[in-house]
Amino acid sequence: MPKKRKLTASELPPFMGTEEAAVLLGLSGVCVRKMCFSGRLGRKIGHRPGAPYVISRDELIEFAQKPRTVGRPRERSHTG
């Protein structure tokens, strides 16, 4: 897995692709693309299948500051 880089907001480009965002977040490119596909991060450029995603600096900073849980979500127990 790529190593997470510590940068200030002024050092970040205004917009970046999934691979650059993955390096900055310390995640894999596949993981970042999945988050973009699900709508949690980034915006799609164009409407064709396979079109790339673009992630803004502000969106990346906001996403990086959110606490993330690791692992599979717990299943709800059905009592009743």
C-alpha atoms as a PDB file:
ATOM      1  CA  MET A   1       0.000   0.000   0.000  1.00  0.00           C
ATOM      2  CA  PRO A   2       1.320   3.478  -0.819  1.00  0.00           C
ATOM      3  CA  LYS A   3       2.679   5.611   2.016  1.00  0.00           C
ATOM      4  CA  LYS A   4       0.546   8.573   3.090  1.00  0.00           C
ATOM      5  CA  ARG A   5       2.151  11.983   2.454  1.00  0.00           C
ATOM      6  CA  LYS A   6       1.754  14.937   4.821  1.00  0.00           C
ATOM      7  CA  LEU A   7       1.037  18.110   2.831  1.00  0.00           C
ATOM      8  CA  THR A   8      -0.455  21.470   3.645  1.00  0.00           C
ATOM      9  CA  ALA A   9      -3.491  22.722   1.728  1.00  0.00           C
ATOM     10  CA  SER A  10      -1.376  25.228  -0.196  1.00  0.00           C
ATOM     11  CA  GLU A  11       0.871  22.421  -1.489  1.00  0.00           C
ATOM     12  CA  LEU A  12      -2.029  20.438  -2.932  1.00  0.00           C
ATOM     13  CA  PRO A  13      -3.104  20.967  -6.529  1.00  0.00           C
ATOM     14  CA  PRO A  14      -6.640  22.394  -6.931  1.00  0.00           C
ATOM     15  CA  PHE A  15      -7.792  19.173  -8.655  1.00  0.00           C
ATOM     16  CA  MET A  16      -6.300  15.693  -8.918  1.00  0.00           C
ATOM     17  CA  GLY A  17      -7.019  12.237 -10.260  1.00  0.00           C
ATOM     18  CA  THR A  18      -7.679   9.061  -8.325  1.00  0.00           C
ATOM     19  CA  GLU A  19      -4.080   7.826  -8.321  1.00  0.00           C
ATOM     20  CA  GLU A  20      -2.682  11.071  -6.905  1.00  0.00           C
ATOM     21  CA  ALA A  21      -5.472  11.205  -4.302  1.00  0.00           C
ATOM     22  CA  ALA A  22      -4.735   7.579  -3.379  1.00  0.00           C
ATOM     23  CA  VAL A  23      -1.082   8.392  -2.647  1.00  0.00           C
ATOM     24  CA  LEU A  24      -2.048  11.412  -0.546  1.00  0.00           C
ATOM     25  CA  LEU A  25      -4.648   9.428   1.422  1.00  0.00           C
ATOM     26  CA  GLY A  26      -2.439   6.357   1.824  1.00  0.00           C
ATOM     27  CA  LEU A  27      -4.985   4.146   0.046  1.00  0.00           C
ATOM     28  CA  SER A  28      -4.892   2.041  -3.091  1.00  0.00           C
ATOM     29  CA  GLY A  29      -6.066   3.475  -6.397  1.00  0.00           C
ATOM     30  CA  VAL A  30      -8.763   0.793  -6.581  1.00  0.00           C
ATOM     31  CA  CYS A  31     -10.117   1.838  -3.184  1.00  0.00           C
ATOM     32  CA  VAL A  32     -10.300   5.510  -4.210  1.00  0.00           C
ATOM     33  CA  ARG A  33     -12.009   4.623  -7.522  1.00  0.00           C
ATOM     34  CA  LYS A  34     -14.589   2.540  -5.620  1.00  0.00           C
ATOM     35  CA  MET A  35     -15.284   5.497  -3.327  1.00  0.00           C
ATOM     36  CA  CYS A  36     -15.696   7.746  -6.374  1.00  0.00           C
ATOM     37  CA  PHE A  37     -18.018   5.233  -8.044  1.00  0.00           C
ATOM     38  CA  SER A  38     -20.176   5.041  -4.910  1.00  0.00           C
ATOM     39  CA  GLY A  39     -20.367   8.851  -4.715  1.00  0.00           C
ATOM     40  CA  ARG A  40     -18.369   9.239  -1.489  1.00  0.00           C
ATOM     41  CA  LEU A  41     -15.504  11.089  -3.184  1.00  0.00           C
ATOM     42  CA  GLY A  42     -14.804  12.922  -6.450  1.00  0.00           C
ATOM     43  CA  ARG A  43     -16.794  13.711  -9.572  1.00  0.00           C
ATOM     44  CA  LYS A  44     -16.860  11.921 -12.908  1.00  0.00           C
ATOM     45  CA  ILE A  45     -15.551  13.749 -15.971  1.00  0.00           C
ATOM     46  CA  GLY A  46     -17.880  12.987 -18.870  1.00  0.00           C
ATOM     47  CA  HIS A  47     -20.717  10.518 -19.163  1.00  0.00           C
ATOM     48  CA  ARG A  48     -19.139   7.588 -20.964  1.00  0.00           C
ATOM     49  CA  PRO A  49     -18.292   4.339 -19.187  1.00  0.00           C
ATOM     50  CA  GLY A  50     -14.716   4.356 -17.947  1.00  0.00           C
ATOM     51  CA  ALA A  51     -14.538   8.159 -17.760  1.00  0.00           C
ATOM     52  CA  PRO A  52     -12.006   9.373 -15.184  1.00  0.00           C
ATOM     53  CA  TYR A  53     -12.827  10.989 -11.846  1.00  0.00           C
ATOM     54  CA  VAL A  54     -11.541  14.307 -10.540  1.00  0.00           C
ATOM     55  CA  ILE A  55     -11.197  15.159  -6.841  1.00  0.00           C
ATOM     56  CA  SER A  56     -10.956  18.740  -5.572  1.00  0.00           C
ATOM     57  CA  ARG A  57      -8.454  19.848  -2.939  1.00  0.00           C
ATOM     58  CA  ASP A  58     -11.208  20.870  -0.517  1.00  0.00           C
ATOM     59  CA  GLU A  59     -13.037  17.557  -0.942  1.00  0.00           C
ATOM     60  CA  LEU A  60      -9.829  15.596  -0.345  1.00  0.00           C
ATOM     61  CA  ILE A  61      -9.025  17.551   2.837  1.00  0.00           C
ATOM     62  CA  GLU A  62     -12.577  17.104   4.148  1.00  0.00           C
ATOM     63  CA  PHE A  63     -12.504  13.373   3.390  1.00  0.00           C
ATOM     64  CA  ALA A  64      -9.076  12.932   5.023  1.00  0.00           C
ATOM     65  CA  GLN A  65     -10.284  14.566   8.244  1.00  0.00           C
ATOM     66  CA  LYS A  66     -13.314  12.270   8.641  1.00  0.00           C
ATOM     67  CA  PRO A  67     -12.757   9.289  10.926  1.00  0.00           C
ATOM     68  CA  ARG A  68     -12.952   6.001   9.027  1.00  0.00           C
ATOM     69  CA  THR A  69     -13.885   2.635  10.419  1.00  0.00           C
ATOM     70  CA  VAL A  70     -11.923  -0.400   9.338  1.00  0.00           C
ATOM     71  CA  GLY A  71     -13.403  -3.777   8.506  1.00  0.00           C
ATOM     72  CA  ARG A  72     -16.759  -5.149   7.658  1.00  0.00           C
ATOM     73  CA  PRO A  73     -19.821  -3.385   9.099  1.00  0.00           C
ATOM     74  CA  ARG A  74     -21.581  -5.209  11.905  1.00  0.00           C
ATOM     75  CA  GLU A  75     -24.781  -6.951  11.033  1.00  0.00           C
ATOM     76  CA  ARG A  76     -27.807  -5.811  12.936  1.00  0.00           C
ATOM     77  CA  SER A  77     -29.264  -8.394  15.257  1.00  0.00           C
ATOM     78  CA  HIS A  78     -32.929  -9.067  14.804  1.00  0.00           C
ATOM     79  CA  THR A  79     -34.550  -9.329  18.179  1.00  0.00           C
ATOM     80  CA  GLY A  80     -38.153  -9.565  18.582  1.00  0.00           C
END
